[in-house]
Amino acid sequence: MRLNQFPPELIKHILSYLPRSDLKAARLTCRALSGIATHWLYHSVYTRVTSFQNNVVRQEIEGLQELVSKFAPLVHSIDIDGGDGYCPFEVALFLDKLPALEKVSMRGVRTSWYHDQFFQGDFEKSMLRASLITPAENRILADLKSLSLHVEQDYGDWLLASLGIIFLIPQIQELTLDHIVLDHGDPKFPHSWSSSGLGHYSHQTGLKSLSITDSYIDLQALEEILSPPRTLTHLRLESRYPDCEELPDEWQEEPCNRDAIFRAISQQRLSLEKLDIRWEVKLQSLEGPSWTPVQFPRLRECKVIFERLDESHRIEINSGNENVGQL
């Protein structure tokens, strides 16, 4: 049986399992295989950004520009890696040129010598244009389902300043944030859905999985970002005190205790299926409500750990069973 006698869907499925080296070879065999192999070759793109000061990297960026100009409709996933010294937001200007993009992963370091425009410029504009703030007919990244940001700072944490808008991107189903300070003082962050005039956006986002790890999570901000999702099923939070040399002038830390955390999370109690919480509290009492099947009827997995900042006491809750310990 000749290759051209196979259904195109079957050939496409077979080629989807090939490594990139074999896909490159398949492109050289014939015109029919070249088109299918090209589809999978540029389906997922990995880009490493080490420095704009480096001529080699300039060539890589130019290569990315050429890729975008030729194969933009084929790119469904992009992984931007800044390594240990550079920020992936450098190439954010390419995002709005990728109409079929479904998954974005960015990791790297926000270094102190960068100007804020690198972080609040192209990337912020792209997120704003993808959000509910922008009229539907003008939005970009309509197929974006997953966004992952692992951007550390070369000293301590960095504030998610002007990027609270990512919680208003309706099509995102999976959001992962790491090593940040999530503060309700963000000027782009909706302080209150009703008072800010954003009440009509409530329950318009499709977020299903939210993970914020190794971060400081302001409770007021948490209450606000958990109010609009319709069906959040997976929630992972790892909160600790911020590691910042300078906090904003208007910084006001919300009292952190089990009641307040429970109140914020229980907004999603009817849909949550998996809950993984690790929270550092100061000197407040660790006593409070538990996560039970009655309160969270769809919850299948539950692991909640409260720990005092001085590490003197710890409470661990696994599927409703609570263990209290003095360290």
C-alpha atoms as a PDB file:
ATOM      1  CA  MET A   1       0.000   0.000   0.000  1.00  0.00           C
ATOM      2  CA  ARG A   2       1.461   3.344  -1.041  1.00  0.00           C
ATOM      3  CA  LEU A   3       1.807   6.255   1.319  1.00  0.00           C
ATOM      4  CA  ASN A   4      -0.561   8.409  -0.735  1.00  0.00           C
ATOM      5  CA  GLN A   5      -3.257   5.802  -0.205  1.00  0.00           C
ATOM      6  CA  PHE A   6      -3.349   6.372   3.541  1.00  0.00           C
ATOM      7  CA  PRO A   7      -5.938   8.836   4.879  1.00  0.00           C
ATOM      8  CA  PRO A   8      -4.308  12.261   5.488  1.00  0.00           C
ATOM      9  CA  GLU A   9      -5.647  12.236   9.074  1.00  0.00           C
ATOM     10  CA  LEU A  10      -3.760   8.992   9.781  1.00  0.00           C
ATOM     11  CA  ILE A  11      -0.493  10.301   8.340  1.00  0.00           C
ATOM     12  CA  LYS A  12      -0.874  13.502  10.362  1.00  0.00           C
ATOM     13  CA  HIS A  13      -1.461  11.468  13.528  1.00  0.00           C
ATOM     14  CA  ILE A  14       1.599   9.267  12.891  1.00  0.00           C
ATOM     15  CA  LEU A  15       3.879  12.235  12.258  1.00  0.00           C
ATOM     16  CA  SER A  16       2.719  13.890  15.481  1.00  0.00           C
ATOM     17  CA  TYR A  17       4.810  11.318  17.401  1.00  0.00           C
ATOM     18  CA  LEU A  18       8.059  12.048  15.553  1.00  0.00           C
ATOM     19  CA  PRO A  19      10.907  14.005  17.214  1.00  0.00           C
ATOM     20  CA  ARG A  20      11.924  17.295  15.652  1.00  0.00           C
ATOM     21  CA  SER A  21      14.940  15.770  13.870  1.00  0.00           C
ATOM     22  CA  ASP A  22      12.714  13.249  12.075  1.00  0.00           C
ATOM     23  CA  LEU A  23      10.150  15.921  11.227  1.00  0.00           C
ATOM     24  CA  LYS A  24      12.901  17.961   9.576  1.00  0.00           C
ATOM     25  CA  ALA A  25      13.901  14.898   7.553  1.00  0.00           C
ATOM     26  CA  ALA A  26      10.278  14.187   6.604  1.00  0.00           C
ATOM     27  CA  ARG A  27       9.966  17.684   5.142  1.00  0.00           C
ATOM     28  CA  LEU A  28      12.640  16.767   2.578  1.00  0.00           C
ATOM     29  CA  THR A  29      10.938  13.620   1.257  1.00  0.00           C
ATOM     30  CA  CYS A  30       7.991  14.906  -0.763  1.00  0.00           C
ATOM     31  CA  ARG A  31       5.578  17.809  -0.975  1.00  0.00           C
ATOM     32  CA  ALA A  32       2.729  15.964   0.769  1.00  0.00           C
ATOM     33  CA  LEU A  33       4.811  14.969   3.792  1.00  0.00           C
ATOM     34  CA  SER A  34       6.501  18.359   3.871  1.00  0.00           C
ATOM     35  CA  GLY A  35       3.222  20.145   4.607  1.00  0.00           C
ATOM     36  CA  ILE A  36       2.219  17.751   7.394  1.00  0.00           C
ATOM     37  CA  ALA A  37       5.711  17.671   8.927  1.00  0.00           C
ATOM     38  CA  THR A  38       5.865  21.480   8.857  1.00  0.00           C
ATOM     39  CA  HIS A  39       2.567  21.611  10.734  1.00  0.00           C
ATOM     40  CA  TRP A  40       4.002  19.595  13.637  1.00  0.00           C
ATOM     41  CA  LEU A  41       7.504  21.071  13.456  1.00  0.00           C
ATOM     42  CA  TYR A  42       6.211  24.542  14.320  1.00  0.00           C
ATOM     43  CA  HIS A  43       3.300  23.447  16.484  1.00  0.00           C
ATOM     44  CA  SER A  44       5.437  24.005  19.618  1.00  0.00           C
ATOM     45  CA  VAL A  45       8.263  26.550  19.605  1.00  0.00           C
ATOM     46  CA  TYR A  46      11.055  26.914  22.172  1.00  0.00           C
ATOM     47  CA  THR A  47      13.035  30.173  22.314  1.00  0.00           C
ATOM     48  CA  ARG A  48      15.911  30.944  24.652  1.00  0.00           C
ATOM     49  CA  VAL A  49      16.653  34.607  25.377  1.00  0.00           C
ATOM     50  CA  THR A  50      20.013  35.123  27.045  1.00  0.00           C
ATOM     51  CA  SER A  51      20.784  38.726  26.167  1.00  0.00           C
ATOM     52  CA  PHE A  52      19.974  41.396  23.644  1.00  0.00           C
ATOM     53  CA  GLN A  53      23.587  42.479  23.993  1.00  0.00           C
ATOM     54  CA  ASN A  54      24.738  39.221  22.391  1.00  0.00           C
ATOM     55  CA  ASN A  55      25.038  39.000  18.605  1.00  0.00           C
ATOM     56  CA  VAL A  56      24.218  35.285  18.639  1.00  0.00           C
ATOM     57  CA  VAL A  57      20.988  35.979  20.459  1.00  0.00           C
ATOM     58  CA  ARG A  58      20.208  38.817  18.076  1.00  0.00           C
ATOM     59  CA  GLN A  59      20.418  36.233  15.300  1.00  0.00           C
ATOM     60  CA  GLU A  60      18.084  34.003  17.324  1.00  0.00           C
ATOM     61  CA  ILE A  61      15.577  36.833  17.716  1.00  0.00           C
ATOM     62  CA  GLU A  62      15.836  37.537  13.998  1.00  0.00           C
ATOM     63  CA  GLY A  63      15.208  33.831  13.455  1.00  0.00           C
ATOM     64  CA  LEU A  64      12.102  34.060  15.620  1.00  0.00           C
ATOM     65  CA  GLN A  65      10.928  37.064  13.592  1.00  0.00           C
ATOM     66  CA  GLU A  66      11.364  35.050  10.402  1.00  0.00           C
ATOM     67  CA  LEU A  67       9.540  32.079  11.933  1.00  0.00           C
ATOM     68  CA  VAL A  68       6.630  34.287  12.963  1.00  0.00           C
ATOM     69  CA  SER A  69       6.394  35.868   9.531  1.00  0.00           C
ATOM     70  CA  LYS A  70       6.328  32.483   7.767  1.00  0.00           C
ATOM     71  CA  PHE A  71       4.670  30.045  10.162  1.00  0.00           C
ATOM     72  CA  ALA A  72       2.636  32.140  12.649  1.00  0.00           C
ATOM     73  CA  PRO A  73      -0.684  30.295  11.993  1.00  0.00           C
ATOM     74  CA  LEU A  74       1.009  26.963  12.845  1.00  0.00           C
ATOM     75  CA  VAL A  75       2.345  27.945  16.283  1.00  0.00           C
ATOM     76  CA  HIS A  76       0.076  26.680  19.066  1.00  0.00           C
ATOM     77  CA  SER A  77       2.561  26.679  21.945  1.00  0.00           C
ATOM     78  CA  ILE A  78       5.563  28.877  22.750  1.00  0.00           C
ATOM     79  CA  ASP A  79       8.110  28.382  25.527  1.00  0.00           C
ATOM     80  CA  ILE A  80      10.252  31.469  26.187  1.00  0.00           C
ATOM     81  CA  ASP A  81      13.264  30.757  28.396  1.00  0.00           C
ATOM     82  CA  GLY A  82      15.328  33.588  29.846  1.00  0.00           C
ATOM     83  CA  GLY A  83      17.624  31.244  31.737  1.00  0.00           C
ATOM     84  CA  ASP A  84      19.214  32.439  34.972  1.00  0.00           C
ATOM     85  CA  GLY A  85      19.871  36.017  33.968  1.00  0.00           C
ATOM     86  CA  TYR A  86      17.358  37.473  31.527  1.00  0.00           C
ATOM     87  CA  CYS A  87      13.675  38.263  31.267  1.00  0.00           C
ATOM     88  CA  PRO A  88      11.414  36.416  28.814  1.00  0.00           C
ATOM     89  CA  PHE A  89       9.197  39.485  28.392  1.00  0.00           C
ATOM     90  CA  GLU A  90      11.846  40.625  25.891  1.00  0.00           C
ATOM     91  CA  VAL A  91      10.010  38.773  23.116  1.00  0.00           C
ATOM     92  CA  ALA A  92       6.441  39.528  24.244  1.00  0.00           C
ATOM     93  CA  LEU A  93       5.915  41.707  21.176  1.00  0.00           C
ATOM     94  CA  PHE A  94       5.603  38.532  19.084  1.00  0.00           C
ATOM     95  CA  LEU A  95       2.581  37.203  20.975  1.00  0.00           C
ATOM     96  CA  ASP A  96      -0.102  39.163  19.159  1.00  0.00           C
ATOM     97  CA  LYS A  97       1.304  37.906  15.838  1.00  0.00           C
ATOM     98  CA  LEU A  98       0.491  34.282  16.701  1.00  0.00           C
ATOM     99  CA  PRO A  99      -3.274  33.918  16.117  1.00  0.00           C
ATOM    100  CA  ALA A 100      -3.492  30.178  16.929  1.00  0.00           C
ATOM    101  CA  LEU A 101      -1.536  30.386  20.191  1.00  0.00           C
ATOM    102  CA  GLU A 102      -2.984  28.140  22.921  1.00  0.00           C
ATOM    103  CA  LYS A 103      -0.159  27.885  25.444  1.00  0.00           C
ATOM    104  CA  VAL A 104       2.457  30.400  26.641  1.00  0.00           C
ATOM    105  CA  SER A 105       5.216  29.575  29.101  1.00  0.00           C
ATOM    106  CA  MET A 106       7.711  32.214  30.256  1.00  0.00           C
ATOM    107  CA  ARG A 107      10.538  31.763  32.694  1.00  0.00           C
ATOM    108  CA  GLY A 108      13.592  33.785  33.564  1.00  0.00           C
ATOM    109  CA  VAL A 109      14.787  36.566  35.840  1.00  0.00           C
ATOM    110  CA  ARG A 110      13.758  40.169  36.184  1.00  0.00           C
ATOM    111  CA  THR A 111      17.134  41.815  36.706  1.00  0.00           C
ATOM    112  CA  SER A 112      17.463  45.085  38.613  1.00  0.00           C
ATOM    113  CA  TRP A 113      19.152  46.963  35.769  1.00  0.00           C
ATOM    114  CA  TYR A 114      16.124  46.643  33.477  1.00  0.00           C
ATOM    115  CA  HIS A 115      13.806  49.600  33.116  1.00  0.00           C
ATOM    116  CA  ASP A 116      10.143  49.029  34.004  1.00  0.00           C
ATOM    117  CA  GLN A 117       9.117  49.524  30.391  1.00  0.00           C
ATOM    118  CA  PHE A 118      10.460  46.076  29.580  1.00  0.00           C
ATOM    119  CA  PHE A 119       7.905  44.591  31.951  1.00  0.00           C
ATOM    120  CA  GLN A 120       4.953  46.949  31.712  1.00  0.00           C
ATOM    121  CA  GLY A 121       5.234  47.519  27.990  1.00  0.00           C
ATOM    122  CA  ASP A 122       4.720  44.950  25.270  1.00  0.00           C
ATOM    123  CA  PHE A 123       3.654  42.091  27.545  1.00  0.00           C
ATOM    124  CA  GLU A 124       1.152  44.209  29.472  1.00  0.00           C
ATOM    125  CA  LYS A 125      -0.316  45.551  26.232  1.00  0.00           C
ATOM    126  CA  SER A 126      -0.746  42.037  24.879  1.00  0.00           C
ATOM    127  CA  MET A 127      -2.488  40.865  28.054  1.00  0.00           C
ATOM    128  CA  LEU A 128      -4.717  43.959  28.048  1.00  0.00           C
ATOM    129  CA  ARG A 129      -5.743  43.357  24.435  1.00  0.00           C
ATOM    130  CA  ALA A 130      -6.581  39.730  25.281  1.00  0.00           C
ATOM    131  CA  SER A 131      -8.700  40.631  28.317  1.00  0.00           C
ATOM    132  CA  LEU A 132     -12.353  41.453  28.926  1.00  0.00           C
ATOM    133  CA  ILE A 133     -11.420  45.138  29.066  1.00  0.00           C
ATOM    134  CA  THR A 134     -10.992  45.049  25.276  1.00  0.00           C
ATOM    135  CA  PRO A 135     -14.154  44.672  23.132  1.00  0.00           C
ATOM    136  CA  ALA A 136     -14.564  41.109  21.857  1.00  0.00           C
ATOM    137  CA  GLU A 137     -14.138  42.093  18.211  1.00  0.00           C
ATOM    138  CA  ASN A 138     -10.703  43.633  18.955  1.00  0.00           C
ATOM    139  CA  ARG A 139      -9.279  40.960  21.261  1.00  0.00           C
ATOM    140  CA  ILE A 140      -6.175  38.950  20.451  1.00  0.00           C
ATOM    141  CA  LEU A 141      -5.037  35.470  21.539  1.00  0.00           C
ATOM    142  CA  ALA A 142      -8.610  34.169  21.297  1.00  0.00           C
ATOM    143  CA  ASP A 143      -7.413  30.546  21.650  1.00  0.00           C
ATOM    144  CA  LEU A 144      -5.047  31.071  24.598  1.00  0.00           C
ATOM    145  CA  LYS A 145      -5.860  28.377  27.166  1.00  0.00           C
ATOM    146  CA  SER A 146      -2.732  28.170  29.314  1.00  0.00           C
ATOM    147  CA  LEU A 147      -0.368  30.843  30.694  1.00  0.00           C
ATOM    148  CA  SER A 148       2.619  30.100  32.905  1.00  0.00           C
ATOM    149  CA  LEU A 149       4.909  32.796  34.379  1.00  0.00           C
ATOM    150  CA  HIS A 150       8.026  31.767  36.335  1.00  0.00           C
ATOM    151  CA  VAL A 151       9.837  35.106  36.413  1.00  0.00           C
ATOM    152  CA  GLU A 152      12.009  35.694  39.466  1.00  0.00           C
ATOM    153  CA  GLN A 153      13.885  38.836  40.418  1.00  0.00           C
ATOM    154  CA  ASP A 154      17.628  38.927  40.898  1.00  0.00           C
ATOM    155  CA  TYR A 155      17.006  40.133  44.453  1.00  0.00           C
ATOM    156  CA  GLY A 156      13.903  38.925  46.262  1.00  0.00           C
ATOM    157  CA  ASP A 157      10.393  38.993  44.793  1.00  0.00           C
ATOM    158  CA  TRP A 158       8.835  41.187  42.141  1.00  0.00           C
ATOM    159  CA  LEU A 159       5.403  42.743  42.314  1.00  0.00           C
ATOM    160  CA  LEU A 160       2.893  41.660  39.693  1.00  0.00           C
ATOM    161  CA  ALA A 161       2.473  45.357  38.964  1.00  0.00           C
ATOM    162  CA  SER A 162       0.090  46.275  36.153  1.00  0.00           C
ATOM    163  CA  LEU A 163      -0.388  42.611  35.241  1.00  0.00           C
ATOM    164  CA  GLY A 164      -3.444  41.859  37.366  1.00  0.00           C
ATOM    165  CA  ILE A 165      -5.226  42.066  34.028  1.00  0.00           C
ATOM    166  CA  ILE A 166      -4.251  38.448  33.326  1.00  0.00           C
ATOM    167  CA  PHE A 167      -7.071  37.375  35.659  1.00  0.00           C
ATOM    168  CA  LEU A 168      -9.531  38.995  33.231  1.00  0.00           C
ATOM    169  CA  ILE A 169      -8.550  36.959  30.165  1.00  0.00           C
ATOM    170  CA  PRO A 170     -11.757  34.970  29.590  1.00  0.00           C
ATOM    171  CA  GLN A 171     -10.371  32.126  27.499  1.00  0.00           C
ATOM    172  CA  ILE A 172      -7.563  31.094  29.891  1.00  0.00           C
ATOM    173  CA  GLN A 173      -8.309  27.800  31.628  1.00  0.00           C
ATOM    174  CA  GLU A 174      -4.941  27.173  33.289  1.00  0.00           C
ATOM    175  CA  LEU A 175      -2.875  29.895  34.990  1.00  0.00           C
ATOM    176  CA  THR A 176       0.428  29.274  36.783  1.00  0.00           C
ATOM    177  CA  LEU A 177       2.352  32.012  38.617  1.00  0.00           C
ATOM    178  CA  ASP A 178       5.556  31.540  40.588  1.00  0.00           C
ATOM    179  CA  HIS A 179       7.706  33.699  42.861  1.00  0.00           C
ATOM    180  CA  ILE A 180       5.634  36.891  42.785  1.00  0.00           C
ATOM    181  CA  VAL A 181       3.928  39.344  45.102  1.00  0.00           C
ATOM    182  CA  LEU A 182       0.213  39.433  44.354  1.00  0.00           C
ATOM    183  CA  ASP A 183      -1.031  42.724  45.779  1.00  0.00           C
ATOM    184  CA  HIS A 184      -4.424  44.394  45.414  1.00  0.00           C
ATOM    185  CA  GLY A 185      -2.587  47.740  45.060  1.00  0.00           C
ATOM    186  CA  ASP A 186      -1.892  46.974  41.398  1.00  0.00           C
ATOM    187  CA  PRO A 187      -3.334  49.965  39.476  1.00  0.00           C
ATOM    188  CA  LYS A 188      -4.724  47.664  36.757  1.00  0.00           C
ATOM    189  CA  PHE A 189      -6.202  45.256  39.295  1.00  0.00           C
ATOM    190  CA  PRO A 190      -9.979  45.450  39.927  1.00  0.00           C
ATOM    191  CA  HIS A 191     -10.151  46.542  43.583  1.00  0.00           C
ATOM    192  CA  SER A 192     -13.797  45.623  43.765  1.00  0.00           C
ATOM    193  CA  TRP A 193     -15.918  44.199  40.983  1.00  0.00           C
ATOM    194  CA  SER A 194     -18.891  46.346  41.940  1.00  0.00           C
ATOM    195  CA  SER A 195     -17.240  49.640  42.907  1.00  0.00           C
ATOM    196  CA  SER A 196     -14.803  49.596  39.978  1.00  0.00           C
ATOM    197  CA  GLY A 197     -17.552  49.248  37.396  1.00  0.00           C
ATOM    198  CA  LEU A 198     -16.328  45.772  36.420  1.00  0.00           C
ATOM    199  CA  GLY A 199     -19.268  43.936  37.981  1.00  0.00           C
ATOM    200  CA  HIS A 200     -20.558  42.842  34.583  1.00  0.00           C
ATOM    201  CA  TYR A 201     -17.327  40.834  34.103  1.00  0.00           C
ATOM    202  CA  SER A 202     -18.126  38.620  37.072  1.00  0.00           C
ATOM    203  CA  HIS A 203     -18.461  34.957  36.095  1.00  0.00           C
ATOM    204  CA  GLN A 204     -17.213  35.612  32.562  1.00  0.00           C
ATOM    205  CA  THR A 205     -13.833  33.943  32.910  1.00  0.00           C
ATOM    206  CA  GLY A 206     -13.285  30.242  32.231  1.00  0.00           C
ATOM    207  CA  LEU A 207     -10.386  29.636  34.625  1.00  0.00           C
ATOM    208  CA  LYS A 208     -10.340  26.004  35.766  1.00  0.00           C
ATOM    209  CA  SER A 209      -6.858  25.577  37.243  1.00  0.00           C
ATOM    210  CA  LEU A 210      -4.981  28.241  39.235  1.00  0.00           C
ATOM    211  CA  SER A 211      -1.542  27.733  40.757  1.00  0.00           C
ATOM    212  CA  ILE A 212       0.324  30.481  42.650  1.00  0.00           C
ATOM    213  CA  THR A 213       3.457  29.092  44.283  1.00  0.00           C
ATOM    214  CA  ASP A 214       6.375  30.401  46.342  1.00  0.00           C
ATOM    215  CA  SER A 215       4.672  33.806  46.454  1.00  0.00           C
ATOM    216  CA  TYR A 216       3.156  36.375  48.765  1.00  0.00           C
ATOM    217  CA  ILE A 217      -0.617  36.418  48.228  1.00  0.00           C
ATOM    218  CA  ASP A 218      -2.538  39.377  49.584  1.00  0.00           C
ATOM    219  CA  LEU A 219      -5.892  38.122  50.889  1.00  0.00           C
ATOM    220  CA  GLN A 220      -7.902  40.983  49.436  1.00  0.00           C
ATOM    221  CA  ALA A 221      -6.366  40.315  46.037  1.00  0.00           C
ATOM    222  CA  LEU A 222      -7.137  36.601  46.443  1.00  0.00           C
ATOM    223  CA  GLU A 223     -10.799  37.316  47.195  1.00  0.00           C
ATOM    224  CA  GLU A 224     -11.039  39.460  44.082  1.00  0.00           C
ATOM    225  CA  ILE A 225      -9.395  37.035  41.652  1.00  0.00           C
ATOM    226  CA  LEU A 226     -11.504  34.123  42.939  1.00  0.00           C
ATOM    227  CA  SER A 227     -14.790  35.939  42.453  1.00  0.00           C
ATOM    228  CA  PRO A 228     -15.155  35.894  38.617  1.00  0.00           C
ATOM    229  CA  PRO A 229     -14.270  32.281  37.592  1.00  0.00           C
ATOM    230  CA  ARG A 230     -17.295  30.105  36.840  1.00  0.00           C
ATOM    231  CA  THR A 231     -15.903  26.634  37.414  1.00  0.00           C
ATOM    232  CA  LEU A 232     -12.509  26.598  39.144  1.00  0.00           C
ATOM    233  CA  THR A 233     -11.694  22.922  39.788  1.00  0.00           C
ATOM    234  CA  HIS A 234      -8.000  22.928  40.801  1.00  0.00           C
ATOM    235  CA  LEU A 235      -6.446  25.437  43.192  1.00  0.00           C
ATOM    236  CA  ARG A 236      -2.871  25.418  44.477  1.00  0.00           C
ATOM    237  CA  LEU A 237      -1.559  28.224  46.687  1.00  0.00           C
ATOM    238  CA  GLU A 238       1.801  28.542  48.441  1.00  0.00           C
ATOM    239  CA  SER A 239       1.916  31.835  50.309  1.00  0.00           C
ATOM    240  CA  ARG A 240       4.751  33.274  52.348  1.00  0.00           C
ATOM    241  CA  TYR A 241       5.850  36.710  53.516  1.00  0.00           C
ATOM    242  CA  PRO A 242       7.219  38.875  50.670  1.00  0.00           C
ATOM    243  CA  ASP A 243      10.958  38.979  50.073  1.00  0.00           C
ATOM    244  CA  CYS A 244      11.172  42.544  48.771  1.00  0.00           C
ATOM    245  CA  GLU A 245      13.625  45.294  49.670  1.00  0.00           C
ATOM    246  CA  GLU A 246      10.957  47.894  48.895  1.00  0.00           C
ATOM    247  CA  LEU A 247       7.185  47.530  49.167  1.00  0.00           C
ATOM    248  CA  PRO A 248       4.736  50.034  47.617  1.00  0.00           C
ATOM    249  CA  ASP A 249       3.949  53.182  49.624  1.00  0.00           C
ATOM    250  CA  GLU A 250       0.262  52.230  49.810  1.00  0.00           C
ATOM    251  CA  TRP A 251       1.065  48.705  51.036  1.00  0.00           C
ATOM    252  CA  GLN A 252      -1.518  47.525  53.560  1.00  0.00           C
ATOM    253  CA  GLU A 253      -1.245  43.921  54.610  1.00  0.00           C
ATOM    254  CA  GLU A 254      -4.586  42.206  55.113  1.00  0.00           C
ATOM    255  CA  PRO A 255      -4.894  40.232  58.399  1.00  0.00           C
ATOM    256  CA  CYS A 256      -4.109  36.615  57.581  1.00  0.00           C
ATOM    257  CA  ASN A 257      -5.935  33.834  59.394  1.00  0.00           C
ATOM    258  CA  ARG A 258      -7.817  30.659  58.560  1.00  0.00           C
ATOM    259  CA  ASP A 259     -11.211  32.374  58.547  1.00  0.00           C
ATOM    260  CA  ALA A 260     -10.131  34.951  55.954  1.00  0.00           C
ATOM    261  CA  ILE A 261      -8.442  32.349  53.745  1.00  0.00           C
ATOM    262  CA  PHE A 262     -11.474  30.069  53.971  1.00  0.00           C
ATOM    263  CA  ARG A 263     -13.791  32.963  53.077  1.00  0.00           C
ATOM    264  CA  ALA A 264     -11.788  33.756  49.948  1.00  0.00           C
ATOM    265  CA  ILE A 265     -11.506  30.159  48.745  1.00  0.00           C
ATOM    266  CA  SER A 266     -15.090  29.182  49.570  1.00  0.00           C
ATOM    267  CA  GLN A 267     -16.294  31.406  46.713  1.00  0.00           C
ATOM    268  CA  GLN A 268     -15.365  28.428  44.525  1.00  0.00           C
ATOM    269  CA  ARG A 269     -16.529  25.717  46.929  1.00  0.00           C
ATOM    270  CA  LEU A 270     -19.215  24.278  44.618  1.00  0.00           C
ATOM    271  CA  SER A 271     -16.768  23.514  41.788  1.00  0.00           C
ATOM    272  CA  LEU A 272     -13.411  22.790  43.496  1.00  0.00           C
ATOM    273  CA  GLU A 273     -12.196  19.210  43.090  1.00  0.00           C
ATOM    274  CA  LYS A 274      -8.555  19.505  44.144  1.00  0.00           C
ATOM    275  CA  LEU A 275      -7.193  21.852  46.799  1.00  0.00           C
ATOM    276  CA  ASP A 276      -3.524  22.199  47.749  1.00  0.00           C
ATOM    277  CA  ILE A 277      -2.761  25.037  50.183  1.00  0.00           C
ATOM    278  CA  ARG A 278       0.396  25.916  52.119  1.00  0.00           C
ATOM    279  CA  TRP A 279       0.163  29.210  53.973  1.00  0.00           C
ATOM    280  CA  GLU A 280       2.494  31.046  56.324  1.00  0.00           C
ATOM    281  CA  VAL A 281       0.672  33.148  58.943  1.00  0.00           C
ATOM    282  CA  LYS A 282       2.142  35.482  61.496  1.00  0.00           C
ATOM    283  CA  LEU A 283       0.980  35.311  65.106  1.00  0.00           C
ATOM    284  CA  GLN A 284      -2.746  34.904  64.557  1.00  0.00           C
ATOM    285  CA  SER A 285      -4.520  31.826  65.835  1.00  0.00           C
ATOM    286  CA  LEU A 286      -4.344  28.825  63.539  1.00  0.00           C
ATOM    287  CA  GLU A 287      -7.809  27.715  64.568  1.00  0.00           C
ATOM    288  CA  GLY A 288     -10.667  28.024  62.113  1.00  0.00           C
ATOM    289  CA  PRO A 289     -12.993  26.221  59.696  1.00  0.00           C
ATOM    290  CA  SER A 290     -11.980  23.013  57.926  1.00  0.00           C
ATOM    291  CA  TRP A 291     -12.515  21.871  54.354  1.00  0.00           C
ATOM    292  CA  THR A 292     -15.213  19.179  54.589  1.00  0.00           C
ATOM    293  CA  PRO A 293     -17.306  17.337  51.943  1.00  0.00           C
ATOM    294  CA  VAL A 294     -20.388  19.189  53.169  1.00  0.00           C
ATOM    295  CA  GLN A 295     -18.851  22.587  52.492  1.00  0.00           C
ATOM    296  CA  PHE A 296     -16.991  21.472  49.327  1.00  0.00           C
ATOM    297  CA  PRO A 297     -19.215  18.763  47.796  1.00  0.00           C
ATOM    298  CA  ARG A 298     -17.010  17.997  44.746  1.00  0.00           C
ATOM    299  CA  LEU A 299     -13.663  18.004  46.571  1.00  0.00           C
ATOM    300  CA  ARG A 300     -11.706  14.782  45.864  1.00  0.00           C
ATOM    301  CA  GLU A 301      -8.218  15.759  47.064  1.00  0.00           C
ATOM    302  CA  CYS A 302      -7.468  18.149  49.896  1.00  0.00           C
ATOM    303  CA  LYS A 303      -4.159  19.092  51.475  1.00  0.00           C
ATOM    304  CA  VAL A 304      -4.041  22.277  53.536  1.00  0.00           C
ATOM    305  CA  ILE A 305      -1.097  23.335  55.697  1.00  0.00           C
ATOM    306  CA  PHE A 306      -1.029  26.416  57.940  1.00  0.00           C
ATOM    307  CA  GLU A 307       2.303  27.301  59.500  1.00  0.00           C
ATOM    308  CA  ARG A 308       3.301  30.174  61.745  1.00  0.00           C
ATOM    309  CA  LEU A 309       6.003  32.458  60.446  1.00  0.00           C
ATOM    310  CA  ASP A 310       8.151  31.660  63.492  1.00  0.00           C
ATOM    311  CA  GLU A 311       7.686  27.922  62.704  1.00  0.00           C
ATOM    312  CA  SER A 312       6.360  27.298  66.224  1.00  0.00           C
ATOM    313  CA  HIS A 313       3.020  25.745  65.222  1.00  0.00           C
ATOM    314  CA  ARG A 314       1.675  23.872  62.226  1.00  0.00           C
ATOM    315  CA  ILE A 315      -1.745  22.533  61.224  1.00  0.00           C
ATOM    316  CA  GLU A 316      -2.174  20.017  58.412  1.00  0.00           C
ATOM    317  CA  ILE A 317      -5.557  19.095  56.968  1.00  0.00           C
ATOM    318  CA  ASN A 318      -5.839  16.112  54.645  1.00  0.00           C
ATOM    319  CA  SER A 319      -9.302  15.440  53.202  1.00  0.00           C
ATOM    320  CA  GLY A 320     -10.985  16.936  56.248  1.00  0.00           C
ATOM    321  CA  ASN A 321      -8.779  15.234  58.883  1.00  0.00           C
ATOM    322  CA  GLU A 322      -6.899  17.820  60.919  1.00  0.00           C
ATOM    323  CA  ASN A 323      -3.548  17.336  62.651  1.00  0.00           C
ATOM    324  CA  VAL A 324      -2.245  20.034  64.997  1.00  0.00           C
ATOM    325  CA  GLY A 325       1.419  20.123  65.882  1.00  0.00           C
ATOM    326  CA  GLN A 326       3.856  22.248  67.878  1.00  0.00           C
ATOM    327  CA  LEU A 327       7.260  22.411  66.220  1.00  0.00           C
END
